[in-house]
Amino acid sequence: LDAALPLIELYKEKLVGIGEVGLDFTPRFASTDEQKEGQ
């Protein structure tokens, strides 16, 4: 996210939304509580 924030700031006037954001608890991507908390 840190890598993305300055660019979002740069382009903010052009945007219609923030996305794609969210949670994905598919076990092969997020099997641990730590990964889920990171998301």
Full PDB file with SEQRES, HELIX, SHEET, SSBOND, CRYST1, ORIGX, SCALE, CONECT and MASTER records, all heavy atoms in Angstrom:
SEQRES   1 A   39  LEU ASP ALA ALA LEU PRO LEU ILE GLU LEU TYR LYS GLU          
SEQRES   2 A   39  LYS LEU VAL GLY ILE GLY GLU VAL GLY LEU ASP PHE THR          
SEQRES   3 A   39  PRO ARG PHE ALA SER THR ASP GLU GLN LYS GLU GLY GLN          
HELIX    1 AA1 LEU A    5  TYR A   11  1                                   7    
HELIX    2 AA2 LYS A   12  LYS A   14  5                                   3    
HELIX    3 AA3 ASP A   33  GLY A   38  1                                   6    
CRYST1    1.000    1.000    1.000  90.00  90.00  90.00 P 1           1          
ORIGX1      1.000000  0.000000  0.000000        0.00000                         
ORIGX2      0.000000  1.000000  0.000000        0.00000                         
ORIGX3      0.000000  0.000000  1.000000        0.00000                         
SCALE1      1.000000  0.000000  0.000000        0.00000                         
SCALE2      0.000000  1.000000  0.000000        0.00000                         
SCALE3      0.000000  0.000000  1.000000        0.00000                         
ATOM      1  N   LEU A   1       0.837  -1.207   0.000  1.00  0.00           N  
ATOM      2  CA  LEU A   1       0.000   0.000   0.000  1.00  0.00           C  
ATOM      3  C   LEU A   1       0.868   1.252   0.000  1.00  0.00           C  
ATOM      4  O   LEU A   1       0.556   2.226  -0.704  1.00  0.00           O  
ATOM      5  CB  LEU A   1      -0.933  -0.009   1.218  1.00  0.00           C  
ATOM      6  CG  LEU A   1      -1.885   1.187   1.317  1.00  0.00           C  
ATOM      7  CD1 LEU A   1      -2.856   1.221   0.134  1.00  0.00           C  
ATOM      8  CD2 LEU A   1      -2.664   1.150   2.621  1.00  0.00           C  
ATOM      9  N   ASP A   2       1.961   1.225   0.756  1.00  0.00           N  
ATOM     10  CA  ASP A   2       2.844   2.401   0.821  1.00  0.00           C  
ATOM     11  C   ASP A   2       3.332   2.813  -0.565  1.00  0.00           C  
ATOM     12  O   ASP A   2       3.457   3.999  -0.858  1.00  0.00           O  
ATOM     13  CB  ASP A   2       4.061   2.117   1.729  1.00  0.00           C  
ATOM     14  CG  ASP A   2       3.650   2.045   3.190  1.00  0.00           C  
ATOM     15  OD1 ASP A   2       2.554   2.550   3.518  1.00  0.00           O  
ATOM     16  OD2 ASP A   2       4.398   1.467   4.002  1.00  0.00           O  
ATOM     17  N   ALA A   3       3.616   1.827  -1.417  1.00  0.00           N  
ATOM     18  CA  ALA A   3       4.095   2.124  -2.767  1.00  0.00           C  
ATOM     19  C   ALA A   3       3.000   2.806  -3.598  1.00  0.00           C  
ATOM     20  O   ALA A   3       3.276   3.572  -4.517  1.00  0.00           O  
ATOM     21  CB  ALA A   3       4.529   0.831  -3.450  1.00  0.00           C  
ATOM     22  N   ALA A   4       1.744   2.515  -3.256  1.00  0.00           N  
ATOM     23  CA  ALA A   4       0.612   2.979  -4.071  1.00  0.00           C  
ATOM     24  C   ALA A   4       0.103   4.363  -3.681  1.00  0.00           C  
ATOM     25  O   ALA A   4      -0.377   5.118  -4.523  1.00  0.00           O  
ATOM     26  CB  ALA A   4      -0.528   1.970  -3.950  1.00  0.00           C  
ATOM     27  N   LEU A   5       0.213   4.692  -2.399  1.00  0.00           N  
ATOM     28  CA  LEU A   5      -0.432   5.915  -1.903  1.00  0.00           C  
ATOM     29  C   LEU A   5       0.005   7.209  -2.612  1.00  0.00           C  
ATOM     30  O   LEU A   5      -0.838   8.026  -2.964  1.00  0.00           O  
ATOM     31  CB  LEU A   5      -0.266   6.033  -0.386  1.00  0.00           C  
ATOM     32  CG  LEU A   5      -1.073   4.990   0.411  1.00  0.00           C  
ATOM     33  CD1 LEU A   5      -0.728   5.061   1.889  1.00  0.00           C  
ATOM     34  CD2 LEU A   5      -2.578   5.157   0.209  1.00  0.00           C  
ATOM     35  N   PRO A   6       1.318   7.421  -2.848  1.00  0.00           N  
ATOM     36  CA  PRO A   6       1.715   8.672  -3.521  1.00  0.00           C  
ATOM     37  C   PRO A   6       1.100   8.805  -4.921  1.00  0.00           C  
ATOM     38  O   PRO A   6       0.758   9.910  -5.339  1.00  0.00           O  
ATOM     39  CB  PRO A   6       3.246   8.579  -3.606  1.00  0.00           C  
ATOM     40  CG  PRO A   6       3.651   7.504  -2.673  1.00  0.00           C  
ATOM     41  CD  PRO A   6       2.485   6.587  -2.485  1.00  0.00           C  
ATOM     42  N   LEU A   7       0.949   7.665  -5.621  1.00  0.00           N  
ATOM     43  CA  LEU A   7       0.372   7.715  -6.970  1.00  0.00           C  
ATOM     44  C   LEU A   7      -1.121   8.010  -6.916  1.00  0.00           C  
ATOM     45  O   LEU A   7      -1.654   8.743  -7.758  1.00  0.00           O  
ATOM     46  CB  LEU A   7       0.611   6.383  -7.695  1.00  0.00           C  
ATOM     47  CG  LEU A   7       2.021   6.182  -8.257  1.00  0.00           C  
ATOM     48  CD1 LEU A   7       2.192   4.752  -8.757  1.00  0.00           C  
ATOM     49  CD2 LEU A   7       2.324   7.163  -9.375  1.00  0.00           C  
ATOM     50  N   ILE A   8      -1.809   7.447  -5.934  1.00  0.00           N  
ATOM     51  CA  ILE A   8      -3.241   7.738  -5.789  1.00  0.00           C  
ATOM     52  C   ILE A   8      -3.415   9.237  -5.525  1.00  0.00           C  
ATOM     53  O   ILE A   8      -4.269   9.896  -6.114  1.00  0.00           O  
ATOM     54  CB  ILE A   8      -3.879   6.883  -4.668  1.00  0.00           C  
ATOM     55  CG1 ILE A   8      -3.841   5.403  -5.069  1.00  0.00           C  
ATOM     56  CG2 ILE A   8      -5.316   7.341  -4.393  1.00  0.00           C  
ATOM     57  CD1 ILE A   8      -4.371   4.426  -4.024  1.00  0.00           C  
ATOM     58  N   GLU A   9      -2.558   9.761  -4.677  1.00  0.00           N  
ATOM     59  CA  GLU A   9      -2.565  11.204  -4.370  1.00  0.00           C  
ATOM     60  C   GLU A   9      -2.356  12.013  -5.654  1.00  0.00           C  
ATOM     61  O   GLU A   9      -3.055  12.995  -5.913  1.00  0.00           O  
ATOM     62  CB  GLU A   9      -1.423  11.453  -3.384  1.00  0.00           C  
ATOM     63  CG  GLU A   9      -1.627  12.503  -2.342  1.00  0.00           C  
ATOM     64  CD  GLU A   9      -2.963  12.531  -1.634  1.00  0.00           C  
ATOM     65  OE1 GLU A   9      -3.349  11.575  -0.941  1.00  0.00           O  
ATOM     66  OE2 GLU A   9      -3.638  13.559  -1.770  1.00  0.00           O  
ATOM     67  N   LEU A  10      -1.396  11.563  -6.458  1.00  0.00           N  
ATOM     68  CA  LEU A  10      -1.049  12.263  -7.702  1.00  0.00           C  
ATOM     69  C   LEU A  10      -2.230  12.317  -8.672  1.00  0.00           C  
ATOM     70  O   LEU A  10      -2.459  13.329  -9.333  1.00  0.00           O  
ATOM     71  CB  LEU A  10       0.138  11.538  -8.351  1.00  0.00           C  
ATOM     72  CG  LEU A  10       0.677  12.096  -9.681  1.00  0.00           C  
ATOM     73  CD1 LEU A  10       1.325  13.456  -9.474  1.00  0.00           C  
ATOM     74  CD2 LEU A  10       1.685  11.116 -10.281  1.00  0.00           C  
ATOM     75  N   TYR A  11      -2.980  11.213  -8.758  1.00  0.00           N  
ATOM     76  CA  TYR A  11      -4.050  11.111  -9.762  1.00  0.00           C  
ATOM     77  C   TYR A  11      -5.444  11.364  -9.193  1.00  0.00           C  
ATOM     78  O   TYR A  11      -6.437  11.167  -9.878  1.00  0.00           O  
ATOM     79  CB  TYR A  11      -4.035   9.705 -10.392  1.00  0.00           C  
ATOM     80  CG  TYR A  11      -2.805   9.399 -11.218  1.00  0.00           C  
ATOM     81  CD1 TYR A  11      -2.018   8.275 -10.949  1.00  0.00           C  
ATOM     82  CD2 TYR A  11      -2.442  10.209 -12.294  1.00  0.00           C  
ATOM     83  CE1 TYR A  11      -0.900   7.968 -11.718  1.00  0.00           C  
ATOM     84  CE2 TYR A  11      -1.323   9.917 -13.061  1.00  0.00           C  
ATOM     85  CZ  TYR A  11      -0.554   8.795 -12.772  1.00  0.00           C  
ATOM     86  OH  TYR A  11       0.542   8.504 -13.545  1.00  0.00           O  
ATOM     87  N   LYS A  12      -5.541  11.777  -7.924  1.00  0.00           N  
ATOM     88  CA  LYS A  12      -6.838  11.764  -7.227  1.00  0.00           C  
ATOM     89  C   LYS A  12      -7.950  12.511  -7.957  1.00  0.00           C  
ATOM     90  O   LYS A  12      -9.107  12.101  -7.916  1.00  0.00           O  
ATOM     91  CB  LYS A  12      -6.686  12.267  -5.792  1.00  0.00           C  
ATOM     92  CG  LYS A  12      -6.221  13.710  -5.692  1.00  0.00           C  
ATOM     93  CD  LYS A  12      -5.953  14.093  -4.239  1.00  0.00           C  
ATOM     94  CE  LYS A  12      -5.429  15.521  -4.158  1.00  0.00           C  
ATOM     95  NZ  LYS A  12      -4.947  15.835  -2.806  1.00  0.00           N  
ATOM     96  N   GLU A  13      -7.605  13.611  -8.638  1.00  0.00           N  
ATOM     97  CA  GLU A  13      -8.647  14.405  -9.317  1.00  0.00           C  
ATOM     98  C   GLU A  13      -9.308  13.628 -10.461  1.00  0.00           C  
ATOM     99  O   GLU A  13     -10.424  13.934 -10.851  1.00  0.00           O  
ATOM    100  CB  GLU A  13      -8.055  15.708  -9.892  1.00  0.00           C  
ATOM    101  CG  GLU A  13      -7.425  16.632  -8.860  1.00  0.00           C  
ATOM    102  CD  GLU A  13      -8.385  17.046  -7.752  1.00  0.00           C  
ATOM    103  OE1 GLU A  13      -9.599  17.167  -8.022  1.00  0.00           O  
ATOM    104  OE2 GLU A  13      -7.929  17.239  -6.599  1.00  0.00           O  
ATOM    105  N   LYS A  14      -8.598  12.670 -11.018  1.00  0.00           N  
ATOM    106  CA  LYS A  14      -9.108  11.924 -12.180  1.00  0.00           C  
ATOM    107  C   LYS A  14      -9.972  10.726 -11.798  1.00  0.00           C  
ATOM    108  O   LYS A  14     -10.634  10.134 -12.642  1.00  0.00           O  
ATOM    109  CB  LYS A  14      -7.937  11.398 -13.030  1.00  0.00           C  
ATOM    110  CG  LYS A  14      -7.040  12.479 -13.600  1.00  0.00           C  
ATOM    111  CD  LYS A  14      -5.864  11.844 -14.350  1.00  0.00           C  
ATOM    112  CE  LYS A  14      -4.871  12.869 -14.832  1.00  0.00           C  
ATOM    113  NZ  LYS A  14      -5.368  13.677 -15.951  1.00  0.00           N  
ATOM    114  N   LEU A  15      -9.934  10.333 -10.525  1.00  0.00           N  
ATOM    115  CA  LEU A  15     -10.529   9.052 -10.122  1.00  0.00           C  
ATOM    116  C   LEU A  15     -12.031   9.132  -9.900  1.00  0.00           C  
ATOM    117  O   LEU A  15     -12.552  10.138  -9.432  1.00  0.00           O  
ATOM    118  CB  LEU A  15      -9.868   8.551  -8.832  1.00  0.00           C  
ATOM    119  CG  LEU A  15      -8.341   8.423  -8.866  1.00  0.00           C  
ATOM    120  CD1 LEU A  15      -7.842   7.859  -7.548  1.00  0.00           C  
ATOM    121  CD2 LEU A  15      -7.890   7.542 -10.028  1.00  0.00           C  
ATOM    122  N   VAL A  16     -12.725   8.012 -10.211  1.00  0.00           N  
ATOM    123  CA  VAL A  16     -14.149   7.899  -9.858  1.00  0.00           C  
ATOM    124  C   VAL A  16     -14.340   6.996  -8.642  1.00  0.00           C  
ATOM    125  O   VAL A  16     -15.428   6.909  -8.088  1.00  0.00           O  
ATOM    126  CB  VAL A  16     -15.029   7.391 -11.026  1.00  0.00           C  
ATOM    127  CG1 VAL A  16     -15.015   8.388 -12.170  1.00  0.00           C  
ATOM    128  CG2 VAL A  16     -14.610   6.006 -11.503  1.00  0.00           C  
ATOM    129  N   GLY A  17     -13.267   6.298  -8.220  1.00  0.00           N  
ATOM    130  CA  GLY A  17     -13.393   5.413  -7.062  1.00  0.00           C  
ATOM    131  C   GLY A  17     -12.036   4.901  -6.623  1.00  0.00           C  
ATOM    132  O   GLY A  17     -11.023   5.093  -7.301  1.00  0.00           O  
ATOM    133  N   ILE A  18     -12.043   4.244  -5.460  1.00  0.00           N  
ATOM    134  CA  ILE A  18     -10.850   3.562  -4.938  1.00  0.00           C  
ATOM    135  C   ILE A  18     -11.115   2.064  -5.088  1.00  0.00           C  
ATOM    136  O   ILE A  18     -12.088   1.540  -4.553  1.00  0.00           O  
ATOM    137  CB  ILE A  18     -10.619   3.931  -3.450  1.00  0.00           C  
ATOM    138  CG1 ILE A  18     -10.322   5.435  -3.301  1.00  0.00           C  
ATOM    139  CG2 ILE A  18      -9.492   3.087  -2.851  1.00  0.00           C  
ATOM    140  CD1 ILE A  18      -9.042   5.913  -3.966  1.00  0.00           C  
ATOM    141  N   GLY A  19     -10.271   1.386  -5.864  1.00  0.00           N  
ATOM    142  CA  GLY A  19     -10.506  -0.037  -6.065  1.00  0.00           C  
ATOM    143  C   GLY A  19      -9.564  -0.637  -7.106  1.00  0.00           C  
ATOM    144  O   GLY A  19      -8.968   0.100  -7.892  1.00  0.00           O  
ATOM    145  N   GLU A  20      -9.299  -1.819  -7.046  1.00  0.00           N  
ATOM    146  CA  GLU A  20     -10.070  -2.842  -6.378  1.00  0.00           C  
ATOM    147  C   GLU A  20      -9.443  -3.111  -5.011  1.00  0.00           C  
ATOM    148  O   GLU A  20      -8.270  -3.429  -4.935  1.00  0.00           O  
ATOM    149  CB  GLU A  20     -10.064  -4.103  -7.254  1.00  0.00           C  
ATOM    150  CG  GLU A  20     -10.786  -5.268  -6.678  1.00  0.00           C  
ATOM    151  CD  GLU A  20     -10.873  -6.471  -7.657  1.00  0.00           C  
ATOM    152  OE1 GLU A  20     -10.466  -6.337  -8.819  1.00  0.00           O  
ATOM    153  OE2 GLU A  20     -11.340  -7.527  -7.239  1.00  0.00           O  
ATOM    154  N   VAL A  21     -10.251  -2.980  -3.982  1.00  0.00           N  
ATOM    155  CA  VAL A  21      -9.784  -3.193  -2.616  1.00  0.00           C  
ATOM    156  C   VAL A  21     -10.640  -4.287  -1.980  1.00  0.00           C  
ATOM    157  O   VAL A  21     -11.660  -4.681  -2.537  1.00  0.00           O  
ATOM    158  CB  VAL A  21      -9.882  -1.894  -1.793  1.00  0.00           C  
ATOM    159  CG1 VAL A  21      -9.104  -0.767  -2.465  1.00  0.00           C  
ATOM    160  CG2 VAL A  21     -11.343  -1.461  -1.599  1.00  0.00           C  
ATOM    161  N   GLY A  22     -10.247  -4.755  -0.788  1.00  0.00           N  
ATOM    162  CA  GLY A  22     -11.116  -5.716  -0.114  1.00  0.00           C  
ATOM    163  C   GLY A  22     -10.362  -6.758   0.678  1.00  0.00           C  
ATOM    164  O   GLY A  22      -9.218  -6.556   1.093  1.00  0.00           O  
ATOM    165  N   LEU A  23     -11.040  -7.889   0.867  1.00  0.00           N  
ATOM    166  CA  LEU A  23     -10.462  -9.024   1.590  1.00  0.00           C  
ATOM    167  C   LEU A  23     -10.587 -10.270   0.726  1.00  0.00           C  
ATOM    168  O   LEU A  23     -11.569 -10.409  -0.014  1.00  0.00           O  
ATOM    169  CB  LEU A  23     -11.212  -9.267   2.914  1.00  0.00           C  
ATOM    170  CG  LEU A  23     -11.246  -8.128   3.930  1.00  0.00           C  
ATOM    171  CD1 LEU A  23     -12.111  -8.523   5.138  1.00  0.00           C  
ATOM    172  CD2 LEU A  23      -9.846  -7.724   4.384  1.00  0.00           C  
ATOM    173  N   ASP A  24      -9.596 -11.143   0.813  1.00  0.00           N  
ATOM    174  CA  ASP A  24      -9.640 -12.419   0.099  1.00  0.00           C  
ATOM    175  C   ASP A  24      -9.082 -13.484   1.024  1.00  0.00           C  
ATOM    176  O   ASP A  24      -7.877 -13.571   1.221  1.00  0.00           O  
ATOM    177  CB  ASP A  24      -8.825 -12.348  -1.197  1.00  0.00           C  
ATOM    178  CG  ASP A  24      -9.053 -13.560  -2.087  1.00  0.00           C  
ATOM    179  OD1 ASP A  24      -9.104 -14.693  -1.551  1.00  0.00           O  
ATOM    180  OD2 ASP A  24      -9.192 -13.382  -3.315  1.00  0.00           O  
ATOM    181  N   PHE A  25      -9.994 -14.265   1.616  1.00  0.00           N  
ATOM    182  CA  PHE A  25      -9.571 -15.275   2.583  1.00  0.00           C  
ATOM    183  C   PHE A  25      -9.500 -16.676   1.961  1.00  0.00           C  
ATOM    184  O   PHE A  25      -9.604 -17.688   2.657  1.00  0.00           O  
ATOM    185  CB  PHE A  25     -10.494 -15.263   3.813  1.00  0.00           C  
ATOM    186  CG  PHE A  25     -10.354 -14.014   4.666  1.00  0.00           C  
ATOM    187  CD1 PHE A  25     -11.251 -13.754   5.697  1.00  0.00           C  
ATOM    188  CD2 PHE A  25      -9.327 -13.100   4.441  1.00  0.00           C  
ATOM    189  CE1 PHE A  25     -11.123 -12.617   6.493  1.00  0.00           C  
ATOM    190  CE2 PHE A  25      -9.193 -11.949   5.231  1.00  0.00           C  
ATOM    191  CZ  PHE A  25     -10.095 -11.712   6.254  1.00  0.00           C  
ATOM    192  N   THR A  26      -9.323 -16.741   0.630  1.00  0.00           N  
ATOM    193  CA  THR A  26      -9.064 -18.027  -0.017  1.00  0.00           C  
ATOM    194  C   THR A  26      -7.838 -18.637   0.662  1.00  0.00           C  
ATOM    195  O   THR A  26      -6.795 -17.980   0.756  1.00  0.00           O  
ATOM    196  CB  THR A  26      -8.762 -17.814  -1.527  1.00  0.00           C  
ATOM    197  OG1 THR A  26      -9.762 -16.977  -2.078  1.00  0.00           O  
ATOM    198  CG2 THR A  26      -8.719 -19.126  -2.278  1.00  0.00           C  
ATOM    199  N   PRO A  27      -7.949 -19.902   1.139  1.00  0.00           N  
ATOM    200  CA  PRO A  27      -6.847 -20.469   1.944  1.00  0.00           C  
ATOM    201  C   PRO A  27      -5.466 -20.398   1.295  1.00  0.00           C  
ATOM    202  O   PRO A  27      -4.476 -20.187   1.985  1.00  0.00           O  
ATOM    203  CB  PRO A  27      -7.286 -21.924   2.164  1.00  0.00           C  
ATOM    204  CG  PRO A  27      -8.785 -21.868   2.089  1.00  0.00           C  
ATOM    205  CD  PRO A  27      -9.117 -20.794   1.090  1.00  0.00           C  
ATOM    206  N   ARG A  28      -5.376 -20.517  -0.025  1.00  0.00           N  
ATOM    207  CA  ARG A  28      -4.026 -20.519  -0.595  1.00  0.00           C  
ATOM    208  C   ARG A  28      -3.369 -19.127  -0.543  1.00  0.00           C  
ATOM    209  O   ARG A  28      -2.163 -18.995  -0.711  1.00  0.00           O  
ATOM    210  CB  ARG A  28      -4.003 -21.098  -2.012  1.00  0.00           C  
ATOM    211  CG  ARG A  28      -4.634 -20.253  -3.089  1.00  0.00           C  
ATOM    212  CD  ARG A  28      -4.431 -20.952  -4.451  1.00  0.00           C  
ATOM    213  NE  ARG A  28      -4.804 -20.091  -5.563  1.00  0.00           N  
ATOM    214  CZ  ARG A  28      -6.026 -19.976  -6.033  1.00  0.00           C  
ATOM    215  NH1 ARG A  28      -7.021 -20.650  -5.489  1.00  0.00           N  
ATOM    216  NH2 ARG A  28      -6.282 -19.182  -7.066  1.00  0.00           N  
ATOM    217  N   PHE A  29      -4.175 -18.084  -0.322  1.00  0.00           N  
ATOM    218  CA  PHE A  29      -3.608 -16.733  -0.213  1.00  0.00           C  
ATOM    219  C   PHE A  29      -3.503 -16.277   1.238  1.00  0.00           C  
ATOM    220  O   PHE A  29      -2.568 -15.590   1.614  1.00  0.00           O  
ATOM    221  CB  PHE A  29      -4.458 -15.711  -0.977  1.00  0.00           C  
ATOM    222  CG  PHE A  29      -4.609 -16.032  -2.435  1.00  0.00           C  
ATOM    223  CD1 PHE A  29      -5.869 -16.043  -3.032  1.00  0.00           C  
ATOM    224  CD2 PHE A  29      -3.498 -16.329  -3.212  1.00  0.00           C  
ATOM    225  CE1 PHE A  29      -6.008 -16.343  -4.381  1.00  0.00           C  
ATOM    226  CE2 PHE A  29      -3.631 -16.629  -4.563  1.00  0.00           C  
ATOM    227  CZ  PHE A  29      -4.893 -16.642  -5.147  1.00  0.00           C  
ATOM    228  N   ALA A  30      -4.513 -16.601   2.023  1.00  0.00           N  
ATOM    229  CA  ALA A  30      -4.535 -16.111   3.404  1.00  0.00           C  
ATOM    230  C   ALA A  30      -4.934 -17.249   4.325  1.00  0.00           C  
ATOM    231  O   ALA A  30      -6.107 -17.440   4.613  1.00  0.00           O  
ATOM    232  CB  ALA A  30      -5.518 -14.959   3.521  1.00  0.00           C  
ATOM    233  N   SER A  31      -3.935 -17.998   4.778  1.00  0.00           N  
ATOM    234  CA  SER A  31      -4.241 -19.136   5.647  1.00  0.00           C  
ATOM    235  C   SER A  31      -4.004 -18.775   7.107  1.00  0.00           C  
ATOM    236  O   SER A  31      -4.545 -19.395   8.005  1.00  0.00           O  
ATOM    237  CB  SER A  31      -3.392 -20.341   5.253  1.00  0.00           C  
ATOM    238  OG  SER A  31      -2.037 -19.953   5.202  1.00  0.00           O  
ATOM    239  N   THR A  32      -3.201 -17.729   7.350  1.00  0.00           N  
ATOM    240  CA  THR A  32      -2.871 -17.400   8.749  1.00  0.00           C  
ATOM    241  C   THR A  32      -3.627 -16.155   9.210  1.00  0.00           C  
ATOM    242  O   THR A  32      -4.019 -15.311   8.397  1.00  0.00           O  
ATOM    243  CB  THR A  32      -1.360 -17.122   8.904  1.00  0.00           C  
ATOM    244  OG1 THR A  32      -1.056 -15.888   8.217  1.00  0.00           O  
ATOM    245  CG2 THR A  32      -0.518 -18.247   8.311  1.00  0.00           C  
ATOM    246  N   ASP A  33      -3.786 -16.039  10.517  1.00  0.00           N  
ATOM    247  CA  ASP A  33      -4.428 -14.853  11.097  1.00  0.00           C  
ATOM    248  C   ASP A  33      -3.627 -13.600  10.760  1.00  0.00           C  
ATOM    249  O   ASP A  33      -4.182 -12.523  10.564  1.00  0.00           O  
ATOM    250  CB  ASP A  33      -4.537 -14.990  12.624  1.00  0.00           C  
ATOM    251  CG  ASP A  33      -5.593 -16.026  13.001  1.00  0.00           C  
ATOM    252  OD1 ASP A  33      -6.414 -16.386  12.120  1.00  0.00           O  
ATOM    253  OD2 ASP A  33      -5.589 -16.489  14.160  1.00  0.00           O  
ATOM    254  N   GLU A  34      -2.326 -13.766  10.694  1.00  0.00           N  
ATOM    255  CA  GLU A  34      -1.440 -12.632  10.396  1.00  0.00           C  
ATOM    256  C   GLU A  34      -1.727 -12.089   8.984  1.00  0.00           C  
ATOM    257  O   GLU A  34      -1.803 -10.872   8.776  1.00  0.00           O  
ATOM    258  CB  GLU A  34       0.014 -13.115  10.497  1.00  0.00           C  
ATOM    259  CG  GLU A  34       1.027 -11.993  10.542  1.00  0.00           C  
ATOM    260  CD  GLU A  34       2.472 -12.535  10.538  1.00  0.00           C  
ATOM    261  OE1 GLU A  34       2.649 -13.776  10.487  1.00  0.00           O  
ATOM    262  OE2 GLU A  34       3.380 -11.711  10.590  1.00  0.00           O  
ATOM    263  N   GLN A  35      -1.886 -13.013   8.026  1.00  0.00           N  
ATOM    264  CA  GLN A  35      -2.183 -12.576   6.652  1.00  0.00           C  
ATOM    265  C   GLN A  35      -3.545 -11.880   6.586  1.00  0.00           C  
ATOM    266  O   GLN A  35      -3.695 -10.841   5.943  1.00  0.00           O  
ATOM    267  CB  GLN A  35      -2.157 -13.782   5.704  1.00  0.00           C  
ATOM    268  CG  GLN A  35      -0.736 -14.267   5.420  1.00  0.00           C  
ATOM    269  CD  GLN A  35      -0.733 -15.627   4.717  1.00  0.00           C  
ATOM    270  OE1 GLN A  35      -1.526 -16.521   5.033  1.00  0.00           O  
ATOM    271  NE2 GLN A  35       0.162 -15.791   3.758  1.00  0.00           N  
ATOM    272  N   LYS A  36      -4.517 -12.451   7.279  1.00  0.00           N  
ATOM    273  CA  LYS A  36      -5.859 -11.852   7.277  1.00  0.00           C  
ATOM    274  C   LYS A  36      -5.847 -10.475   7.922  1.00  0.00           C  
ATOM    275  O   LYS A  36      -6.480  -9.542   7.435  1.00  0.00           O  
ATOM    276  CB  LYS A  36      -6.856 -12.773   7.994  1.00  0.00           C  
ATOM    277  CG  LYS A  36      -7.148 -14.046   7.218  1.00  0.00           C  
ATOM    278  CD  LYS A  36      -8.052 -14.993   8.000  1.00  0.00           C  
ATOM    279  CE  LYS A  36      -8.275 -16.280   7.200  1.00  0.00           C  
ATOM    280  NZ  LYS A  36      -9.017 -17.288   7.964  1.00  0.00           N  
ATOM    281  N   GLU A  37      -5.103 -10.350   8.999  1.00  0.00           N  
ATOM    282  CA  GLU A  37      -5.000  -9.059   9.693  1.00  0.00           C  
ATOM    283  C   GLU A  37      -4.300  -8.028   8.805  1.00  0.00           C  
ATOM    284  O   GLU A  37      -4.691  -6.860   8.751  1.00  0.00           O  
ATOM    285  CB  GLU A  37      -4.263  -9.226  11.028  1.00  0.00           C  
ATOM    286  CG  GLU A  37      -4.261  -7.986  11.906  1.00  0.00           C  
ATOM    287  CD  GLU A  37      -5.638  -7.354  12.121  1.00  0.00           C  
ATOM    288  OE1 GLU A  37      -6.661  -8.084  12.228  1.00  0.00           O  
ATOM    289  OE2 GLU A  37      -5.705  -6.109  12.161  1.00  0.00           O  
ATOM    290  N   GLY A  38      -3.266  -8.479   8.080  1.00  0.00           N  
ATOM    291  CA  GLY A  38      -2.579  -7.593   7.125  1.00  0.00           C  
ATOM    292  C   GLY A  38      -3.555  -7.052   6.091  1.00  0.00           C  
ATOM    293  O   GLY A  38      -3.572  -5.844   5.783  1.00  0.00           O  
ATOM    294  N   GLN A  39      -4.401  -7.936   5.560  1.00  0.00           N  
ATOM    295  CA  GLN A  39      -5.412  -7.512   4.579  1.00  0.00           C  
ATOM    296  C   GLN A  39      -6.389  -6.509   5.197  1.00  0.00           C  
ATOM    297  O   GLN A  39      -6.767  -5.521   4.562  1.00  0.00           O  
ATOM    298  CB  GLN A  39      -6.204  -8.717   4.063  1.00  0.00           C  
ATOM    299  CG  GLN A  39      -5.420  -9.632   3.139  1.00  0.00           C  
ATOM    300  CD  GLN A  39      -6.309 -10.670   2.471  1.00  0.00           C  
ATOM    301  OE1 GLN A  39      -7.533 -10.532   2.443  1.00  0.00           O  
ATOM    302  NE2 GLN A  39      -5.693 -11.717   1.936  1.00  0.00           N  
TER     303      GLN A  39                                                      
MASTER        0    0    0    3    0    0    0    6  302    1    0    3          
END                                                                             
